Amino acid sequence: MTVIDELARELAVIRSGHDILPFMTNWIPTSEAEFRMLPEDMLAIIRSSPDYRELVPGAPPARLQFSAGDEGAELVIYRALADRRHYMLAPSRRG
């Protein structure tokens, strides 16, 4: 299975069970979401957290929550089995 096929399959599963998803400090409709590669610098920051546990390739996506003081953000992250890279759900570029 290619990474494109794998991401499409995961997105279809997510869309079948959710109407909206978190992206940073906002919520986006699943119909307007797509997987995008997680930038390496962002992944490095996430991995530096003492609470972080490495994502298992091919396992269901994980919701990561970040907070500092009164501020917070949330991302949905998936680690693909096909290429072992990390992807985040984000607003579609087509919109």
N, C-alpha and C. Protein backbone atom coordinates (compact mmCIF):
# COMPACT_ATOMS: atom_id res chain seq x y z
N MET A 1 0.85 -1.17 0.00
CA MET A 1 0.00 0.00 0.00
C MET A 1 0.91 1.24 0.00
N THR A 2 0.58 2.20 -0.84
CA THR A 2 1.35 3.44 -0.87
C THR A 2 0.94 4.33 0.29
N VAL A 3 1.78 5.30 0.61
CA VAL A 3 1.44 6.23 1.69
C VAL A 3 0.19 7.03 1.34
N ILE A 4 0.00 7.35 0.08
CA ILE A 4 -1.20 8.09 -0.34
C ILE A 4 -2.45 7.26 -0.07
N ASP A 5 -2.40 5.98 -0.42
CA ASP A 5 -3.53 5.10 -0.16
C ASP A 5 -3.77 4.93 1.35
N GLU A 6 -2.69 4.79 2.09
CA GLU A 6 -2.80 4.62 3.55
C GLU A 6 -3.43 5.85 4.20
N LEU A 7 -2.98 7.03 3.81
CA LEU A 7 -3.53 8.27 4.39
C LEU A 7 -5.00 8.44 3.99
N ALA A 8 -5.33 8.10 2.76
CA ALA A 8 -6.73 8.19 2.31
C ALA A 8 -7.61 7.25 3.12
N ARG A 9 -7.12 6.04 3.39
CA ARG A 9 -7.88 5.07 4.19
C ARG A 9 -8.11 5.60 5.60
N GLU A 10 -7.06 6.12 6.22
CA GLU A 10 -7.19 6.66 7.58
C GLU A 10 -8.13 7.85 7.63
N LEU A 11 -8.06 8.71 6.64
CA LEU A 11 -8.94 9.88 6.60
C LEU A 11 -10.39 9.43 6.43
N ALA A 12 -10.65 8.42 5.61
CA ALA A 12 -12.01 7.90 5.45
C ALA A 12 -12.55 7.36 6.77
N VAL A 13 -11.72 6.66 7.53
CA VAL A 13 -12.14 6.13 8.84
C VAL A 13 -12.48 7.28 9.77
N ILE A 14 -11.63 8.30 9.80
CA ILE A 14 -11.87 9.45 10.67
C ILE A 14 -13.15 10.17 10.27
N ARG A 15 -13.34 10.38 8.99
CA ARG A 15 -14.54 11.08 8.51
C ARG A 15 -15.81 10.29 8.82
N SER A 16 -15.73 8.97 8.85
CA SER A 16 -16.92 8.18 9.14
C SER A 16 -17.34 8.27 10.60
N GLY A 17 -16.42 8.68 11.48
CA GLY A 17 -16.74 8.73 12.89
C GLY A 17 -16.78 10.12 13.51
N HIS A 18 -16.39 11.15 12.74
CA HIS A 18 -16.32 12.50 13.30
C HIS A 18 -16.81 13.53 12.28
N ASP A 19 -17.44 14.58 12.78
CA ASP A 19 -17.86 15.69 11.93
C ASP A 19 -16.85 16.83 11.96
N ILE A 20 -16.20 17.01 13.12
CA ILE A 20 -15.20 18.06 13.27
C ILE A 20 -13.98 17.50 13.98
N LEU A 21 -12.85 18.16 13.76
CA LEU A 21 -11.58 17.74 14.36
C LEU A 21 -10.81 18.96 14.85
N PRO A 22 -9.99 18.76 15.87
CA PRO A 22 -9.18 19.88 16.33
C PRO A 22 -8.00 20.12 15.40
N PHE A 23 -7.67 21.38 15.22
CA PHE A 23 -6.43 21.77 14.56
C PHE A 23 -5.91 23.00 15.27
N MET A 24 -4.87 22.80 16.03
CA MET A 24 -4.26 23.85 16.86
C MET A 24 -5.31 24.39 17.84
N THR A 25 -5.74 25.64 17.69
CA THR A 25 -6.71 26.22 18.63
C THR A 25 -8.11 26.30 18.03
N ASN A 26 -8.31 25.72 16.84
CA ASN A 26 -9.59 25.78 16.14
C ASN A 26 -10.16 24.39 15.93
N TRP A 27 -11.37 24.35 15.41
CA TRP A 27 -12.01 23.12 14.99
C TRP A 27 -12.28 23.23 13.51
N ILE A 28 -12.08 22.13 12.77
CA ILE A 28 -12.32 22.13 11.33
C ILE A 28 -13.24 20.97 10.98
N PRO A 29 -14.11 21.17 9.97
CA PRO A 29 -14.95 20.06 9.52
C PRO A 29 -14.06 18.96 8.91
N THR A 30 -14.39 17.72 9.15
CA THR A 30 -13.59 16.63 8.59
C THR A 30 -13.61 16.66 7.07
N SER A 31 -14.69 17.18 6.49
CA SER A 31 -14.77 17.27 5.03
C SER A 31 -13.75 18.26 4.47
N GLU A 32 -13.22 19.14 5.32
CA GLU A 32 -12.24 20.15 4.89
C GLU A 32 -10.84 19.85 5.43
N ALA A 33 -10.62 18.62 5.90
CA ALA A 33 -9.33 18.25 6.48
C ALA A 33 -8.56 17.32 5.55
N GLU A 34 -7.25 17.38 5.67
CA GLU A 34 -6.38 16.47 4.93
C GLU A 34 -5.14 16.20 5.77
N PHE A 35 -4.48 15.10 5.49
CA PHE A 35 -3.21 14.83 6.15
C PHE A 35 -2.10 15.60 5.45
N ARG A 36 -1.28 16.25 6.24
CA ARG A 36 -0.08 16.93 5.74
C ARG A 36 1.10 16.45 6.56
N MET A 37 2.27 16.41 5.93
CA MET A 37 3.46 15.98 6.65
C MET A 37 3.72 16.95 7.81
N LEU A 38 3.99 16.38 8.96
CA LEU A 38 4.31 17.18 10.14
C LEU A 38 5.73 17.72 9.97
N PRO A 39 5.91 19.04 10.06
CA PRO A 39 7.26 19.60 9.90
C PRO A 39 8.23 19.02 10.94
N GLU A 40 9.45 18.76 10.51
CA GLU A 40 10.45 18.15 11.39
C GLU A 40 10.70 18.97 12.65
N ASP A 41 10.72 20.30 12.54
CA ASP A 41 10.96 21.12 13.73
C ASP A 41 9.81 21.01 14.72
N MET A 42 8.60 20.87 14.22
CA MET A 42 7.44 20.70 15.10
C MET A 42 7.50 19.32 15.77
N LEU A 43 7.90 18.30 15.01
CA LEU A 43 8.03 16.97 15.57
C LEU A 43 9.11 16.95 16.66
N ALA A 44 10.19 17.67 16.46
CA ALA A 44 11.26 17.74 17.47
C ALA A 44 10.74 18.36 18.77
N ILE A 45 9.93 19.39 18.65
CA ILE A 45 9.36 20.03 19.85
C ILE A 45 8.42 19.05 20.56
N ILE A 46 7.59 18.35 19.79
CA ILE A 46 6.66 17.38 20.38
C ILE A 46 7.43 16.27 21.09
N ARG A 47 8.47 15.76 20.44
CA ARG A 47 9.25 14.68 21.02
C ARG A 47 10.01 15.10 22.28
N SER A 48 10.25 16.38 22.43
CA SER A 48 10.99 16.85 23.60
C SER A 48 10.15 16.86 24.88
N SER A 49 8.84 16.67 24.74
CA SER A 49 7.97 16.63 25.91
C SER A 49 8.23 15.37 26.73
N PRO A 50 8.32 15.50 28.05
CA PRO A 50 8.52 14.30 28.87
C PRO A 50 7.33 13.33 28.82
N ASP A 51 6.17 13.81 28.41
CA ASP A 51 4.97 12.96 28.33
C ASP A 51 4.83 12.24 26.99
N TYR A 52 5.66 12.59 26.01
CA TYR A 52 5.50 12.03 24.67
C TYR A 52 5.92 10.56 24.63
N ARG A 53 5.10 9.78 23.94
CA ARG A 53 5.42 8.38 23.64
C ARG A 53 5.39 8.24 22.14
N GLU A 54 6.42 7.60 21.60
CA GLU A 54 6.53 7.46 20.15
C GLU A 54 5.30 6.76 19.58
N LEU A 55 4.80 7.28 18.47
CA LEU A 55 3.62 6.70 17.83
C LEU A 55 4.02 5.44 17.05
N VAL A 56 3.17 4.45 17.13
CA VAL A 56 3.41 3.18 16.44
C VAL A 56 2.94 3.35 14.99
N PRO A 57 3.81 3.09 14.01
CA PRO A 57 3.38 3.20 12.61
C PRO A 57 2.18 2.32 12.31
N GLY A 58 1.18 2.92 11.66
CA GLY A 58 -0.02 2.18 11.30
C GLY A 58 -1.09 2.11 12.37
N ALA A 59 -0.76 2.53 13.60
CA ALA A 59 -1.75 2.54 14.68
C ALA A 59 -2.74 3.70 14.44
N PRO A 60 -3.91 3.65 15.06
CA PRO A 60 -4.86 4.75 14.88
C PRO A 60 -4.22 6.10 15.24
N PRO A 61 -4.69 7.18 14.60
CA PRO A 61 -4.16 8.52 14.89
C PRO A 61 -4.30 8.86 16.38
N ALA A 62 -3.40 9.68 16.85
CA ALA A 62 -3.40 10.12 18.24
C ALA A 62 -3.73 11.60 18.30
N ARG A 63 -4.44 11.98 19.36
CA ARG A 63 -4.70 13.40 19.62
C ARG A 63 -3.67 13.88 20.63
N LEU A 64 -2.91 14.88 20.24
CA LEU A 64 -1.91 15.45 21.13
C LEU A 64 -2.39 16.81 21.61
N GLN A 65 -2.39 17.00 22.91
CA GLN A 65 -2.83 18.26 23.50
C GLN A 65 -1.63 18.96 24.12
N PHE A 66 -1.56 20.27 23.87
CA PHE A 66 -0.47 21.10 24.39
C PHE A 66 -1.09 22.22 25.19
N SER A 67 -0.47 22.57 26.30
CA SER A 67 -0.99 23.69 27.08
C SER A 67 0.16 24.40 27.78
N ALA A 68 -0.05 25.69 27.94
CA ALA A 68 0.88 26.54 28.69
C ALA A 68 0.05 27.66 29.29
N GLY A 69 -0.03 27.67 30.60
CA GLY A 69 -0.87 28.67 31.25
C GLY A 69 -2.32 28.47 30.86
N ASP A 70 -2.94 29.53 30.35
CA ASP A 70 -4.33 29.47 29.93
C ASP A 70 -4.48 29.13 28.44
N GLU A 71 -3.39 28.93 27.75
CA GLU A 71 -3.41 28.66 26.32
C GLU A 71 -3.30 27.15 26.06
N GLY A 72 -3.94 26.70 24.99
CA GLY A 72 -3.87 25.29 24.64
C GLY A 72 -4.07 25.07 23.16
N ALA A 73 -3.62 23.94 22.66
CA ALA A 73 -3.79 23.57 21.27
C ALA A 73 -3.88 22.05 21.19
N GLU A 74 -4.41 21.57 20.08
CA GLU A 74 -4.57 20.13 19.91
C GLU A 74 -4.33 19.78 18.44
N LEU A 75 -3.66 18.66 18.22
CA LEU A 75 -3.40 18.15 16.88
C LEU A 75 -3.77 16.67 16.81
N VAL A 76 -4.17 16.23 15.64
CA VAL A 76 -4.37 14.81 15.38
C VAL A 76 -3.19 14.38 14.52
N ILE A 77 -2.42 13.42 15.03
CA ILE A 77 -1.19 12.98 14.38
C ILE A 77 -1.30 11.50 14.01
N TYR A 78 -0.81 11.17 12.84
CA TYR A 78 -0.78 9.78 12.38
C TYR A 78 0.62 9.46 11.90
N ARG A 79 1.13 8.30 12.27
CA ARG A 79 2.43 7.85 11.77
C ARG A 79 2.18 6.72 10.79
N ALA A 80 2.51 6.98 9.53
CA ALA A 80 2.22 6.03 8.47
C ALA A 80 3.13 4.81 8.53
N LEU A 81 2.55 3.69 8.21
CA LEU A 81 3.30 2.45 8.13
C LEU A 81 4.15 2.42 6.85
N ALA A 82 3.62 2.98 5.77
CA ALA A 82 4.28 2.92 4.47
C ALA A 82 5.64 3.62 4.45
N ASP A 83 5.75 4.77 5.12
CA ASP A 83 7.01 5.52 5.10
C ASP A 83 7.52 5.90 6.50
N ARG A 84 6.76 5.53 7.53
CA ARG A 84 7.11 5.78 8.93
C ARG A 84 7.22 7.28 9.26
N ARG A 85 6.69 8.11 8.43
CA ARG A 85 6.71 9.56 8.68
C ARG A 85 5.44 9.96 9.44
N HIS A 86 5.50 11.12 10.07
CA HIS A 86 4.39 11.65 10.86
C HIS A 86 3.59 12.65 10.02
N TYR A 87 2.27 12.54 10.12
CA TYR A 87 1.36 13.43 9.39
C TYR A 87 0.37 14.02 10.39
N MET A 88 -0.05 15.25 10.12
CA MET A 88 -1.06 15.89 10.97
C MET A 88 -2.28 16.19 10.12
N LEU A 89 -3.44 16.14 10.77
CA LEU A 89 -4.65 16.58 10.08
C LEU A 89 -4.69 18.09 10.14
N ALA A 90 -4.91 18.71 8.98
CA ALA A 90 -4.90 20.16 8.88
C ALA A 90 -5.96 20.59 7.87
N PRO A 91 -6.29 21.88 7.85
CA PRO A 91 -7.25 22.35 6.85
C PRO A 91 -6.73 22.05 5.44
N SER A 92 -7.65 21.65 4.58
CA SER A 92 -7.30 21.32 3.21
C SER A 92 -6.77 22.55 2.47
N ARG A 93 -5.79 22.35 1.65
CA ARG A 93 -5.24 23.45 0.82
C ARG A 93 -6.15 23.76 -0.35
N ARG A 94 -7.09 22.87 -0.64
CA ARG A 94 -7.99 23.08 -1.78
C ARG A 94 -9.08 24.09 -1.48
N GLY A 95 -9.32 24.34 -0.17
CA GLY A 95 -10.41 25.20 0.23
C GLY A 95 -10.12 26.60 0.17
